[in-house]
Amino acid sequence: VVRSATIELGARRYLQFEGGLLHGLNVDAALYRVKVENEPMPYNGGRFYLTAGEVQRSGLELALAGYFGAGVTARLAGTFSHNEYDRYVIDSTYLGAPGATADFSGNDQAGLPGRVVNASVQWQPTMLSWLSLELGAQHNSDYFADDRNAVEVPGFTVLRASAAAEKAHGGGLLMKAPIAEG
């Protein structure tokens, strides 16, 4: 049986400014801790799954959105976390060697970067309110691809640019179509 306990503390605030370049700022922040017992984990290259004894994830999530004049919005969001196997021992059944064990307790959890940061700037011209143009980037820090923490995936950054057209219809329906993405 998989069991999970989550604790999260967060705050959300909108600040409005009179005059100046910045008109408004949304701030969202949350601290969290998740402890999972018997979490299903891929093993042996994903050929089958077993349950890790105990996994813990804790961190901070932060998001800022600044609203400027002339239809410009800037966003910055990040997750800063520590993801670790607290108790994770594999026995001989999975290792194919009688009496052998592999203890991954204390290792970083596979597949989860400790830092993910997104930044973007969007422009929605006041004269063409149906059009939006956006430039952005996402950075993921290094992380391990395996439970043993032997295969490290280097950090990487993805850049993006997009243009979209959107039109509001009756009944709350909003249609949005990408014009170009890259």
C-alpha atoms as a PDB file:
ATOM      1  CA  VAL A   1       0.000   0.000   0.000  1.00  0.00           C
ATOM      2  CA  VAL A   2       1.351   3.394  -1.004  1.00  0.00           C
ATOM      3  CA  ARG A   3       1.006   6.053   1.726  1.00  0.00           C
ATOM      4  CA  SER A   4       1.728   9.737   1.400  1.00  0.00           C
ATOM      5  CA  ALA A   5       1.891  12.609   3.879  1.00  0.00           C
ATOM      6  CA  THR A   6       2.092  16.164   2.565  1.00  0.00           C
ATOM      7  CA  ILE A   7       2.635  19.428   4.382  1.00  0.00           C
ATOM      8  CA  GLU A   8       2.451  22.688   2.436  1.00  0.00           C
ATOM      9  CA  LEU A   9       2.506  26.301   3.533  1.00  0.00           C
ATOM     10  CA  GLY A  10       1.917  28.988   0.953  1.00  0.00           C
ATOM     11  CA  ALA A  11       1.106  32.622   0.381  1.00  0.00           C
ATOM     12  CA  ARG A  12      -0.363  34.530  -2.532  1.00  0.00           C
ATOM     13  CA  ARG A  13      -0.425  38.282  -2.881  1.00  0.00           C
ATOM     14  CA  TYR A  14      -1.261  40.810  -5.584  1.00  0.00           C
ATOM     15  CA  LEU A  15       0.374  44.214  -5.282  1.00  0.00           C
ATOM     16  CA  GLN A  16      -0.914  47.142  -7.300  1.00  0.00           C
ATOM     17  CA  PHE A  17       1.255  50.161  -8.040  1.00  0.00           C
ATOM     18  CA  GLU A  18       0.197  53.668  -9.032  1.00  0.00           C
ATOM     19  CA  GLY A  19       2.295  55.358 -11.699  1.00  0.00           C
ATOM     20  CA  GLY A  20       5.708  54.101 -12.711  1.00  0.00           C
ATOM     21  CA  LEU A  21       6.704  51.318 -15.049  1.00  0.00           C
ATOM     22  CA  LEU A  22       5.332  48.373 -13.000  1.00  0.00           C
ATOM     23  CA  HIS A  23       1.533  48.430 -12.625  1.00  0.00           C
ATOM     24  CA  GLY A  24       1.035  45.216 -10.670  1.00  0.00           C
ATOM     25  CA  LEU A  25       2.829  42.179  -9.272  1.00  0.00           C
ATOM     26  CA  ASN A  26       1.503  38.711  -8.439  1.00  0.00           C
ATOM     27  CA  VAL A  27       3.582  36.800  -5.889  1.00  0.00           C
ATOM     28  CA  ASP A  28       3.005  33.108  -5.116  1.00  0.00           C
ATOM     29  CA  ALA A  29       5.246  31.172  -2.749  1.00  0.00           C
ATOM     30  CA  ALA A  30       4.989  27.759  -1.130  1.00  0.00           C
ATOM     31  CA  LEU A  31       7.147  25.557   1.076  1.00  0.00           C
ATOM     32  CA  TYR A  32       6.363  21.850   0.923  1.00  0.00           C
ATOM     33  CA  ARG A  33       7.380  18.453   2.227  1.00  0.00           C
ATOM     34  CA  VAL A  34       6.085  15.149   0.866  1.00  0.00           C
ATOM     35  CA  LYS A  35       6.937  11.799   2.410  1.00  0.00           C
ATOM     36  CA  VAL A  36       5.848   8.675   0.505  1.00  0.00           C
ATOM     37  CA  GLU A  37       6.054   5.086   1.745  1.00  0.00           C
ATOM     38  CA  ASN A  38       6.217   2.289  -0.857  1.00  0.00           C
ATOM     39  CA  GLU A  39       6.406   4.596  -3.886  1.00  0.00           C
ATOM     40  CA  PRO A  40       6.430   2.584  -7.150  1.00  0.00           C
ATOM     41  CA  MET A  41       9.834   2.942  -8.838  1.00  0.00           C
ATOM     42  CA  PRO A  42      10.987   1.710 -12.253  1.00  0.00           C
ATOM     43  CA  TYR A  43      13.856  -0.739 -11.907  1.00  0.00           C
ATOM     44  CA  ASN A  44      16.261  -2.486 -14.256  1.00  0.00           C
ATOM     45  CA  GLY A  45      15.859   0.043 -17.063  1.00  0.00           C
ATOM     46  CA  GLY A  46      12.104   0.306 -16.532  1.00  0.00           C
ATOM     47  CA  ARG A  47      11.525  -3.390 -17.220  1.00  0.00           C
ATOM     48  CA  PHE A  48       9.520  -3.699 -14.004  1.00  0.00           C
ATOM     49  CA  TYR A  49       8.525  -1.740 -10.911  1.00  0.00           C
ATOM     50  CA  LEU A  50       9.159  -2.246  -7.209  1.00  0.00           C
ATOM     51  CA  THR A  51       8.369  -0.091  -4.231  1.00  0.00           C
ATOM     52  CA  ALA A  52      10.997   2.154  -2.696  1.00  0.00           C
ATOM     53  CA  GLY A  53      10.818   1.976   1.096  1.00  0.00           C
ATOM     54  CA  GLU A  54      10.505   5.687   1.751  1.00  0.00           C
ATOM     55  CA  VAL A  55      10.955   8.773  -0.438  1.00  0.00           C
ATOM     56  CA  GLN A  56      11.020  12.398   0.693  1.00  0.00           C
ATOM     57  CA  ARG A  57      10.662  15.538  -1.419  1.00  0.00           C
ATOM     58  CA  SER A  58      10.887  19.019   0.068  1.00  0.00           C
ATOM     59  CA  GLY A  59      11.352  22.454  -1.370  1.00  0.00           C
ATOM     60  CA  LEU A  60      10.245  25.929  -2.265  1.00  0.00           C
ATOM     61  CA  GLU A  61       8.097  27.034  -5.196  1.00  0.00           C
ATOM     62  CA  LEU A  62       8.073  30.699  -6.138  1.00  0.00           C
ATOM     63  CA  ALA A  63       6.246  32.518  -8.960  1.00  0.00           C
ATOM     64  CA  LEU A  64       6.267  36.208  -9.859  1.00  0.00           C
ATOM     65  CA  ALA A  65       4.261  37.918 -12.594  1.00  0.00           C
ATOM     66  CA  GLY A  66       4.873  41.605 -13.272  1.00  0.00           C
ATOM     67  CA  TYR A  67       2.360  43.638 -15.269  1.00  0.00           C
ATOM     68  CA  PHE A  68       3.783  46.592 -17.151  1.00  0.00           C
ATOM     69  CA  GLY A  69       2.221  49.163 -19.455  1.00  0.00           C
ATOM     70  CA  ALA A  70       1.588  48.627 -23.177  1.00  0.00           C
ATOM     71  CA  GLY A  71       0.465  44.998 -22.669  1.00  0.00           C
ATOM     72  CA  VAL A  72       3.806  43.622 -21.410  1.00  0.00           C
ATOM     73  CA  THR A  73       3.880  40.866 -18.771  1.00  0.00           C
ATOM     74  CA  ALA A  74       7.059  39.312 -17.341  1.00  0.00           C
ATOM     75  CA  ARG A  75       6.973  36.005 -15.459  1.00  0.00           C
ATOM     76  CA  LEU A  76       9.546  34.205 -13.345  1.00  0.00           C
ATOM     77  CA  ALA A  77       8.869  30.879 -11.627  1.00  0.00           C
ATOM     78  CA  GLY A  78      11.118  28.396  -9.915  1.00  0.00           C
ATOM     79  CA  THR A  79      11.076  25.171  -7.948  1.00  0.00           C
ATOM     80  CA  PHE A  80      14.013  24.519  -5.645  1.00  0.00           C
ATOM     81  CA  SER A  81      13.817  21.058  -4.123  1.00  0.00           C
ATOM     82  CA  HIS A  82      15.622  18.192  -2.449  1.00  0.00           C
ATOM     83  CA  ASN A  83      14.325  14.762  -3.507  1.00  0.00           C
ATOM     84  CA  GLU A  84      15.844  11.810  -1.690  1.00  0.00           C
ATOM     85  CA  TYR A  85      15.351   8.128  -0.968  1.00  0.00           C
ATOM     86  CA  ASP A  86      15.171   7.942   2.836  1.00  0.00           C
ATOM     87  CA  ARG A  87      14.972   4.146   2.962  1.00  0.00           C
ATOM     88  CA  TYR A  88      15.415   2.118  -0.236  1.00  0.00           C
ATOM     89  CA  VAL A  89      17.006  -1.343  -0.180  1.00  0.00           C
ATOM     90  CA  ILE A  90      16.752  -3.841  -3.036  1.00  0.00           C
ATOM     91  CA  ASP A  91      17.160  -7.499  -2.124  1.00  0.00           C
ATOM     92  CA  SER A  92      18.520 -10.514  -4.000  1.00  0.00           C
ATOM     93  CA  THR A  93      15.174 -11.183  -5.707  1.00  0.00           C
ATOM     94  CA  TYR A  94      15.822  -8.208  -7.995  1.00  0.00           C
ATOM     95  CA  LEU A  95      19.602  -8.415  -8.136  1.00  0.00           C
ATOM     96  CA  GLY A  96      19.787 -12.045  -9.244  1.00  0.00           C
ATOM     97  CA  ALA A  97      22.474 -12.832  -6.642  1.00  0.00           C
ATOM     98  CA  PRO A  98      21.375 -14.845  -3.570  1.00  0.00           C
ATOM     99  CA  GLY A  99      21.882 -12.882  -0.351  1.00  0.00           C
ATOM    100  CA  ALA A 100      22.927  -9.680  -2.122  1.00  0.00           C
ATOM    101  CA  THR A 101      21.386  -6.260  -1.399  1.00  0.00           C
ATOM    102  CA  ALA A 102      21.762  -2.775  -2.831  1.00  0.00           C
ATOM    103  CA  ASP A 103      21.108   0.128  -0.468  1.00  0.00           C
ATOM    104  CA  PHE A 104      20.125   3.363  -2.226  1.00  0.00           C
ATOM    105  CA  SER A 105      19.093   5.132   0.993  1.00  0.00           C
ATOM    106  CA  GLY A 106      20.316   8.741   0.954  1.00  0.00           C
ATOM    107  CA  ASN A 107      20.569   8.863  -2.855  1.00  0.00           C
ATOM    108  CA  ASP A 108      18.836  11.562  -4.872  1.00  0.00           C
ATOM    109  CA  GLN A 109      15.569  10.414  -6.401  1.00  0.00           C
ATOM    110  CA  ALA A 110      16.010   9.539 -10.066  1.00  0.00           C
ATOM    111  CA  GLY A 111      14.577  11.834 -12.723  1.00  0.00           C
ATOM    112  CA  LEU A 112      13.931  14.913 -10.556  1.00  0.00           C
ATOM    113  CA  PRO A 113      16.136  18.000 -10.951  1.00  0.00           C
ATOM    114  CA  GLY A 114      16.687  20.053  -7.806  1.00  0.00           C
ATOM    115  CA  ARG A 115      16.063  23.319  -9.661  1.00  0.00           C
ATOM    116  CA  VAL A 116      13.625  24.185 -12.422  1.00  0.00           C
ATOM    117  CA  VAL A 117      13.391  27.859 -13.405  1.00  0.00           C
ATOM    118  CA  ASN A 118      11.091  29.421 -16.032  1.00  0.00           C
ATOM    119  CA  ALA A 119      11.225  33.004 -17.278  1.00  0.00           C
ATOM    120  CA  SER A 120       9.167  34.668 -19.995  1.00  0.00           C
ATOM    121  CA  VAL A 121       8.117  38.020 -21.401  1.00  0.00           C
ATOM    122  CA  GLN A 122       4.778  38.334 -23.184  1.00  0.00           C
ATOM    123  CA  TRP A 123       3.495  41.232 -25.234  1.00  0.00           C
ATOM    124  CA  GLN A 124      -0.182  41.652 -26.047  1.00  0.00           C
ATOM    125  CA  PRO A 125      -0.512  44.888 -28.027  1.00  0.00           C
ATOM    126  CA  THR A 126      -3.439  47.047 -26.923  1.00  0.00           C
ATOM    127  CA  MET A 127      -4.442  47.768 -30.540  1.00  0.00           C
ATOM    128  CA  LEU A 128      -4.398  44.028 -31.413  1.00  0.00           C
ATOM    129  CA  SER A 129      -5.649  42.480 -28.162  1.00  0.00           C
ATOM    130  CA  TRP A 130      -6.230  39.129 -29.907  1.00  0.00           C
ATOM    131  CA  LEU A 131      -2.483  38.762 -30.607  1.00  0.00           C
ATOM    132  CA  SER A 132       0.222  37.724 -28.135  1.00  0.00           C
ATOM    133  CA  LEU A 133       3.967  37.288 -28.648  1.00  0.00           C
ATOM    134  CA  GLU A 134       6.130  35.526 -26.075  1.00  0.00           C
ATOM    135  CA  LEU A 135       9.814  34.805 -25.487  1.00  0.00           C
ATOM    136  CA  GLY A 136      10.834  32.437 -22.714  1.00  0.00           C
ATOM    137  CA  ALA A 137      13.336  30.007 -21.287  1.00  0.00           C
ATOM    138  CA  GLN A 138      13.326  27.022 -18.923  1.00  0.00           C
ATOM    139  CA  HIS A 139      16.376  25.754 -17.079  1.00  0.00           C
ATOM    140  CA  ASN A 140      16.615  22.342 -15.399  1.00  0.00           C
ATOM    141  CA  SER A 141      19.599  21.601 -13.146  1.00  0.00           C
ATOM    142  CA  ASP A 142      21.611  18.362 -13.227  1.00  0.00           C
ATOM    143  CA  TYR A 143      19.831  15.246 -12.008  1.00  0.00           C
ATOM    144  CA  PHE A 144      20.375  11.505 -11.858  1.00  0.00           C
ATOM    145  CA  ALA A 145      18.708   9.157 -14.325  1.00  0.00           C
ATOM    146  CA  ASP A 146      19.037   6.080 -12.103  1.00  0.00           C
ATOM    147  CA  ASP A 147      18.507   4.999  -8.491  1.00  0.00           C
ATOM    148  CA  ARG A 148      22.207   4.249  -8.004  1.00  0.00           C
ATOM    149  CA  ASN A 149      23.031   7.895  -8.865  1.00  0.00           C
ATOM    150  CA  ALA A 150      25.606   6.611 -11.349  1.00  0.00           C
ATOM    151  CA  VAL A 151      24.156   8.225 -14.499  1.00  0.00           C
ATOM    152  CA  GLU A 152      23.991  12.018 -14.300  1.00  0.00           C
ATOM    153  CA  VAL A 153      21.969  14.054 -16.775  1.00  0.00           C
ATOM    154  CA  PRO A 154      23.600  17.468 -17.226  1.00  0.00           C
ATOM    155  CA  GLY A 155      21.521  20.576 -16.667  1.00  0.00           C
ATOM    156  CA  PHE A 156      20.031  22.197 -19.733  1.00  0.00           C
ATOM    157  CA  THR A 157      18.136  25.280 -20.872  1.00  0.00           C
ATOM    158  CA  VAL A 158      15.363  25.379 -23.467  1.00  0.00           C
ATOM    159  CA  LEU A 159      14.577  28.662 -25.231  1.00  0.00           C
ATOM    160  CA  ARG A 160      11.166  29.281 -26.758  1.00  0.00           C
ATOM    161  CA  ALA A 161       9.346  31.878 -28.829  1.00  0.00           C
ATOM    162  CA  SER A 162       5.681  31.866 -29.763  1.00  0.00           C
ATOM    163  CA  ALA A 163       2.939  33.904 -31.341  1.00  0.00           C
ATOM    164  CA  ALA A 164      -0.742  33.191 -30.754  1.00  0.00           C
ATOM    165  CA  ALA A 165      -4.142  34.543 -31.734  1.00  0.00           C
ATOM    166  CA  GLU A 166      -7.119  34.261 -29.409  1.00  0.00           C
ATOM    167  CA  LYS A 167     -10.752  35.219 -29.664  1.00  0.00           C
ATOM    168  CA  ALA A 168     -13.441  35.207 -26.999  1.00  0.00           C
ATOM    169  CA  HIS A 169     -16.811  33.753 -27.996  1.00  0.00           C
ATOM    170  CA  GLY A 170     -20.140  33.775 -26.173  1.00  0.00           C
ATOM    171  CA  GLY A 171     -20.680  31.504 -23.185  1.00  0.00           C
ATOM    172  CA  GLY A 172     -17.144  31.922 -21.825  1.00  0.00           C
ATOM    173  CA  LEU A 173     -15.476  30.043 -24.713  1.00  0.00           C
ATOM    174  CA  LEU A 174     -11.965  31.234 -25.560  1.00  0.00           C
ATOM    175  CA  MET A 175     -10.300  29.971 -28.731  1.00  0.00           C
ATOM    176  CA  LYS A 176      -6.503  30.232 -28.902  1.00  0.00           C
ATOM    177  CA  ALA A 177      -4.454  29.189 -31.911  1.00  0.00           C
ATOM    178  CA  PRO A 178      -0.658  29.190 -32.118  1.00  0.00           C
ATOM    179  CA  ILE A 179       0.610  31.139 -35.111  1.00  0.00           C
ATOM    180  CA  ALA A 180       4.260  30.171 -34.710  1.00  0.00           C
ATOM    181  CA  GLU A 181       6.348  28.378 -32.095  1.00  0.00           C
ATOM    182  CA  GLY A 182      10.027  27.661 -31.924  1.00  0.00           C
END
